[in-house]
Amino acid sequence: MRSYLVAVVDGAHARFFTLAAAEFSDQGQSGPHLTEHSGLNNADKPIATKGASNNLIGRKHHGNRHEKTTQDTEITRRFANKVVQHIGAVVQNTASQHLILVAEPHILGNLRESVPNHVPSAMTTSELAKDLCRLNAHELHKYLISKQMLPSPKRSVK
């Protein structure tokens, strides 16, 4: 069986899953099951808050919108680089043969640029431009099966 590494990334978090074979699951299925391997947090990403900041209610704030966009782009690029370095380390430890990148579209572009430098050339890569970071391992596995990106678990024969 091919081994898979799944990286699910949004702007603030990255989660890494591997496809591991198990004899039986609690649903009476045998076969490969997606399990969470590790995760990263983007320490540079500011936490979103509700309401006005600095009590500027009723006052107009004239900020440099271009500067903020450039700063956000740089933060995203740095986080994507950390994610790809982590993928390289996981690949060395797990000997995965296939990488599946699931990320928001703007992050996926940054990941796509750096992946060839950190994974073996024999490793195949698939991409899905979607934010699925909030799904648990079982929900993510079901979703990726529906998109035909992962094999489905084999049913146990009784």
C-alpha atoms as a PDB file:
ATOM      1  CA  MET A   1       0.000   0.000   0.000  1.00  0.00           C
ATOM      2  CA  ARG A   2       1.176   3.511  -0.768  1.00  0.00           C
ATOM      3  CA  SER A   3       1.806   5.704   2.217  1.00  0.00           C
ATOM      4  CA  TYR A   4       0.316   9.204   2.300  1.00  0.00           C
ATOM      5  CA  LEU A   5       1.116  12.434   4.108  1.00  0.00           C
ATOM      6  CA  VAL A   6      -1.709  14.974   4.249  1.00  0.00           C
ATOM      7  CA  ALA A   7      -0.934  18.603   5.161  1.00  0.00           C
ATOM      8  CA  VAL A   8      -3.987  20.752   5.988  1.00  0.00           C
ATOM      9  CA  VAL A   9      -3.145  24.452   6.291  1.00  0.00           C
ATOM     10  CA  ASP A  10      -4.972  27.703   6.947  1.00  0.00           C
ATOM     11  CA  GLY A  11      -3.481  31.096   7.798  1.00  0.00           C
ATOM     12  CA  ALA A  12      -2.955  30.324  11.473  1.00  0.00           C
ATOM     13  CA  HIS A  13      -2.577  26.535  11.755  1.00  0.00           C
ATOM     14  CA  ALA A  14      -1.124  23.545   9.949  1.00  0.00           C
ATOM     15  CA  ARG A  15      -2.017  19.941  10.748  1.00  0.00           C
ATOM     16  CA  PHE A  16      -0.215  16.891   9.405  1.00  0.00           C
ATOM     17  CA  PHE A  17      -1.828  13.486   8.964  1.00  0.00           C
ATOM     18  CA  THR A  18      -0.522  10.125   7.834  1.00  0.00           C
ATOM     19  CA  LEU A  19      -2.487   7.257   6.409  1.00  0.00           C
ATOM     20  CA  ALA A  20      -1.887   4.257   8.672  1.00  0.00           C
ATOM     21  CA  ALA A  21      -3.300   0.758   8.331  1.00  0.00           C
ATOM     22  CA  ALA A  22      -5.290  -0.569  11.275  1.00  0.00           C
ATOM     23  CA  GLU A  23      -6.759  -4.006  11.799  1.00  0.00           C
ATOM     24  CA  PHE A  24     -10.174  -2.866  13.026  1.00  0.00           C
ATOM     25  CA  SER A  25     -11.757   0.446  13.821  1.00  0.00           C
ATOM     26  CA  ASP A  26     -14.705   1.215  16.047  1.00  0.00           C
ATOM     27  CA  GLN A  27     -16.938   1.265  12.943  1.00  0.00           C
ATOM     28  CA  GLY A  28     -16.069  -2.363  12.159  1.00  0.00           C
ATOM     29  CA  GLN A  29     -13.806  -1.411   9.270  1.00  0.00           C
ATOM     30  CA  SER A  30     -10.302  -2.517   8.583  1.00  0.00           C
ATOM     31  CA  GLY A  31      -7.793  -0.864   6.345  1.00  0.00           C
ATOM     32  CA  PRO A  32      -6.044   2.489   6.209  1.00  0.00           C
ATOM     33  CA  HIS A  33      -7.098   5.247   8.582  1.00  0.00           C
ATOM     34  CA  LEU A  34      -5.980   8.854   8.642  1.00  0.00           C
ATOM     35  CA  THR A  35      -4.240   9.762  11.905  1.00  0.00           C
ATOM     36  CA  GLU A  36      -2.962  13.131  13.054  1.00  0.00           C
ATOM     37  CA  HIS A  37       0.823  13.188  13.155  1.00  0.00           C
ATOM     38  CA  SER A  38       1.702  16.712  14.284  1.00  0.00           C
ATOM     39  CA  GLY A  39       0.772  20.387  13.993  1.00  0.00           C
ATOM     40  CA  LEU A  40       2.161  23.909  13.729  1.00  0.00           C
ATOM     41  CA  ASN A  41       0.789  27.309  14.751  1.00  0.00           C
ATOM     42  CA  ASN A  42       1.598  30.581  13.051  1.00  0.00           C
ATOM     43  CA  ALA A  43       2.994  32.667  15.918  1.00  0.00           C
ATOM     44  CA  ASP A  44       3.205  35.749  13.655  1.00  0.00           C
ATOM     45  CA  LYS A  45      -0.499  35.729  12.798  1.00  0.00           C
ATOM     46  CA  PRO A  46      -2.361  38.229  14.987  1.00  0.00           C
ATOM     47  CA  ILE A  47      -5.409  36.876  16.783  1.00  0.00           C
ATOM     48  CA  ALA A  48      -8.626  38.285  15.331  1.00  0.00           C
ATOM     49  CA  THR A  49     -10.707  40.253  17.805  1.00  0.00           C
ATOM     50  CA  LYS A  50     -14.194  41.680  17.578  1.00  0.00           C
ATOM     51  CA  GLY A  51     -14.858  45.366  17.949  1.00  0.00           C
ATOM     52  CA  ALA A  52     -12.807  48.486  17.482  1.00  0.00           C
ATOM     53  CA  SER A  53      -9.182  48.448  18.498  1.00  0.00           C
ATOM     54  CA  ASN A  54      -7.676  51.202  20.662  1.00  0.00           C
ATOM     55  CA  ASN A  55     -11.159  52.580  21.392  1.00  0.00           C
ATOM     56  CA  LEU A  56     -11.294  54.514  18.138  1.00  0.00           C
ATOM     57  CA  ILE A  57     -15.083  54.562  18.096  1.00  0.00           C
ATOM     58  CA  GLY A  58     -16.342  57.354  15.884  1.00  0.00           C
ATOM     59  CA  ARG A  59     -12.849  58.385  14.753  1.00  0.00           C
ATOM     60  CA  LYS A  60     -11.494  57.620  11.331  1.00  0.00           C
ATOM     61  CA  HIS A  61      -8.256  55.748  11.051  1.00  0.00           C
ATOM     62  CA  HIS A  62      -6.108  56.496   8.032  1.00  0.00           C
ATOM     63  CA  GLY A  63      -3.758  53.557   7.745  1.00  0.00           C
ATOM     64  CA  ASN A  64      -1.610  52.473   4.868  1.00  0.00           C
ATOM     65  CA  ARG A  65      -3.618  49.635   3.354  1.00  0.00           C
ATOM     66  CA  HIS A  66      -0.771  48.598   1.013  1.00  0.00           C
ATOM     67  CA  GLU A  67       1.648  48.274   3.936  1.00  0.00           C
ATOM     68  CA  LYS A  68      -0.764  45.992   5.808  1.00  0.00           C
ATOM     69  CA  THR A  69      -1.311  43.815   2.721  1.00  0.00           C
ATOM     70  CA  THR A  70       2.442  43.505   2.189  1.00  0.00           C
ATOM     71  CA  GLN A  71       2.956  42.586   5.843  1.00  0.00           C
ATOM     72  CA  ASP A  72       0.191  39.929   5.692  1.00  0.00           C
ATOM     73  CA  THR A  73       1.705  38.478   2.528  1.00  0.00           C
ATOM     74  CA  GLU A  74       5.124  38.232   4.180  1.00  0.00           C
ATOM     75  CA  ILE A  75       3.669  36.566   7.296  1.00  0.00           C
ATOM     76  CA  THR A  76       1.859  34.028   5.089  1.00  0.00           C
ATOM     77  CA  ARG A  77       5.012  33.369   3.057  1.00  0.00           C
ATOM     78  CA  ARG A  78       7.106  32.763   6.191  1.00  0.00           C
ATOM     79  CA  PHE A  79       4.494  30.420   7.666  1.00  0.00           C
ATOM     80  CA  ALA A  80       4.243  28.499   4.375  1.00  0.00           C
ATOM     81  CA  ASN A  81       8.028  28.093   4.424  1.00  0.00           C
ATOM     82  CA  LYS A  82       7.885  26.675   7.992  1.00  0.00           C
ATOM     83  CA  VAL A  83       5.132  24.279   6.915  1.00  0.00           C
ATOM     84  CA  VAL A  84       7.150  23.013   3.940  1.00  0.00           C
ATOM     85  CA  GLN A  85      10.249  22.530   6.127  1.00  0.00           C
ATOM     86  CA  HIS A  86       8.123  20.509   8.565  1.00  0.00           C
ATOM     87  CA  ILE A  87       6.753  18.447   5.662  1.00  0.00           C
ATOM     88  CA  GLY A  88      10.347  17.670   4.627  1.00  0.00           C
ATOM     89  CA  ALA A  89      11.168  16.460   8.137  1.00  0.00           C
ATOM     90  CA  VAL A  90       8.027  14.309   8.352  1.00  0.00           C
ATOM     91  CA  VAL A  91       8.711  12.787   4.922  1.00  0.00           C
ATOM     92  CA  GLN A  92      12.181  11.718   6.063  1.00  0.00           C
ATOM     93  CA  ASN A  93      10.757  10.045   9.184  1.00  0.00           C
ATOM     94  CA  THR A  94       7.727   8.355   7.605  1.00  0.00           C
ATOM     95  CA  ALA A  95       8.968   7.527   4.096  1.00  0.00           C
ATOM     96  CA  SER A  96       5.668   8.729   2.611  1.00  0.00           C
ATOM     97  CA  GLN A  97       5.264   8.286  -1.123  1.00  0.00           C
ATOM     98  CA  HIS A  98       2.436  10.734  -1.762  1.00  0.00           C
ATOM     99  CA  LEU A  99       1.840  14.253  -0.418  1.00  0.00           C
ATOM    100  CA  ILE A 100      -1.603  15.844  -0.354  1.00  0.00           C
ATOM    101  CA  LEU A 101      -1.668  19.599   0.259  1.00  0.00           C
ATOM    102  CA  VAL A 102      -5.008  20.994   1.426  1.00  0.00           C
ATOM    103  CA  ALA A 103      -4.905  24.750   1.970  1.00  0.00           C
ATOM    104  CA  GLU A 104      -6.596  28.062   1.405  1.00  0.00           C
ATOM    105  CA  PRO A 105      -5.868  29.187  -2.185  1.00  0.00           C
ATOM    106  CA  HIS A 106      -3.500  32.057  -1.269  1.00  0.00           C
ATOM    107  CA  ILE A 107      -1.470  29.778   1.013  1.00  0.00           C
ATOM    108  CA  LEU A 108      -1.461  26.924  -1.486  1.00  0.00           C
ATOM    109  CA  GLY A 109       0.400  29.127  -3.959  1.00  0.00           C
ATOM    110  CA  ASN A 110       3.162  29.767  -1.409  1.00  0.00           C
ATOM    111  CA  LEU A 111       3.367  26.065  -0.528  1.00  0.00           C
ATOM    112  CA  ARG A 112       3.497  25.028  -4.185  1.00  0.00           C
ATOM    113  CA  GLU A 113       6.582  27.168  -4.788  1.00  0.00           C
ATOM    114  CA  SER A 114       8.601  25.624  -1.936  1.00  0.00           C
ATOM    115  CA  VAL A 115       7.567  21.954  -1.976  1.00  0.00           C
ATOM    116  CA  PRO A 116      10.005  20.784  -4.716  1.00  0.00           C
ATOM    117  CA  ASN A 117      12.950  21.995  -2.598  1.00  0.00           C
ATOM    118  CA  HIS A 118      11.937  19.982   0.494  1.00  0.00           C
ATOM    119  CA  VAL A 119      10.502  16.659  -0.729  1.00  0.00           C
ATOM    120  CA  PRO A 120      12.066  13.891  -2.827  1.00  0.00           C
ATOM    121  CA  SER A 121      11.492  14.181  -6.576  1.00  0.00           C
ATOM    122  CA  ALA A 122       9.966  10.669  -6.643  1.00  0.00           C
ATOM    123  CA  MET A 123       7.175  11.781  -4.289  1.00  0.00           C
ATOM    124  CA  THR A 124       3.899  12.610  -6.014  1.00  0.00           C
ATOM    125  CA  THR A 125       1.940  15.669  -4.886  1.00  0.00           C
ATOM    126  CA  SER A 126      -1.781  16.435  -5.068  1.00  0.00           C
ATOM    127  CA  GLU A 127      -3.429  19.733  -4.169  1.00  0.00           C
ATOM    128  CA  LEU A 128      -6.848  20.824  -2.954  1.00  0.00           C
ATOM    129  CA  ALA A 129      -7.606  24.537  -2.595  1.00  0.00           C
ATOM    130  CA  LYS A 130      -9.963  24.456   0.389  1.00  0.00           C
ATOM    131  CA  ASP A 131      -9.832  25.314   4.093  1.00  0.00           C
ATOM    132  CA  LEU A 132     -10.427  22.009   5.920  1.00  0.00           C
ATOM    133  CA  CYS A 133      -8.338  22.723   9.016  1.00  0.00           C
ATOM    134  CA  ARG A 134     -11.310  22.427  11.373  1.00  0.00           C
ATOM    135  CA  LEU A 135     -12.221  18.858  10.340  1.00  0.00           C
ATOM    136  CA  ASN A 136     -11.198  15.941  12.538  1.00  0.00           C
ATOM    137  CA  ALA A 137      -9.222  13.029  11.076  1.00  0.00           C
ATOM    138  CA  HIS A 138     -12.293  10.920  10.290  1.00  0.00           C
ATOM    139  CA  GLU A 139     -14.184  13.788   8.592  1.00  0.00           C
ATOM    140  CA  LEU A 140     -11.085  14.776   6.621  1.00  0.00           C
ATOM    141  CA  HIS A 141     -10.540  11.176   5.506  1.00  0.00           C
ATOM    142  CA  LYS A 142     -14.160  10.892   4.336  1.00  0.00           C
ATOM    143  CA  TYR A 143     -13.891  14.187   2.454  1.00  0.00           C
ATOM    144  CA  LEU A 144     -10.642  13.211   0.715  1.00  0.00           C
ATOM    145  CA  ILE A 145     -12.131   9.815  -0.193  1.00  0.00           C
ATOM    146  CA  SER A 146     -15.098  11.613  -1.792  1.00  0.00           C
ATOM    147  CA  LYS A 147     -12.622  13.658  -3.858  1.00  0.00           C
ATOM    148  CA  GLN A 148     -10.782  10.403  -4.760  1.00  0.00           C
ATOM    149  CA  MET A 149      -7.547  11.651  -3.228  1.00  0.00           C
ATOM    150  CA  LEU A 150      -7.250   8.854  -0.613  1.00  0.00           C
ATOM    151  CA  PRO A 151      -8.174   5.153  -0.683  1.00  0.00           C
ATOM    152  CA  SER A 152     -11.280   4.146   1.231  1.00  0.00           C
ATOM    153  CA  PRO A 153     -11.073   1.810   4.225  1.00  0.00           C
ATOM    154  CA  LYS A 154     -11.705  -1.860   3.474  1.00  0.00           C
ATOM    155  CA  ARG A 155     -14.713  -3.374   5.151  1.00  0.00           C
ATOM    156  CA  SER A 156     -14.098  -6.293   7.467  1.00  0.00           C
ATOM    157  CA  VAL A 157     -15.438  -9.606   6.170  1.00  0.00           C
ATOM    158  CA  LYS A 158     -17.556 -11.637   8.607  1.00  0.00           C
END
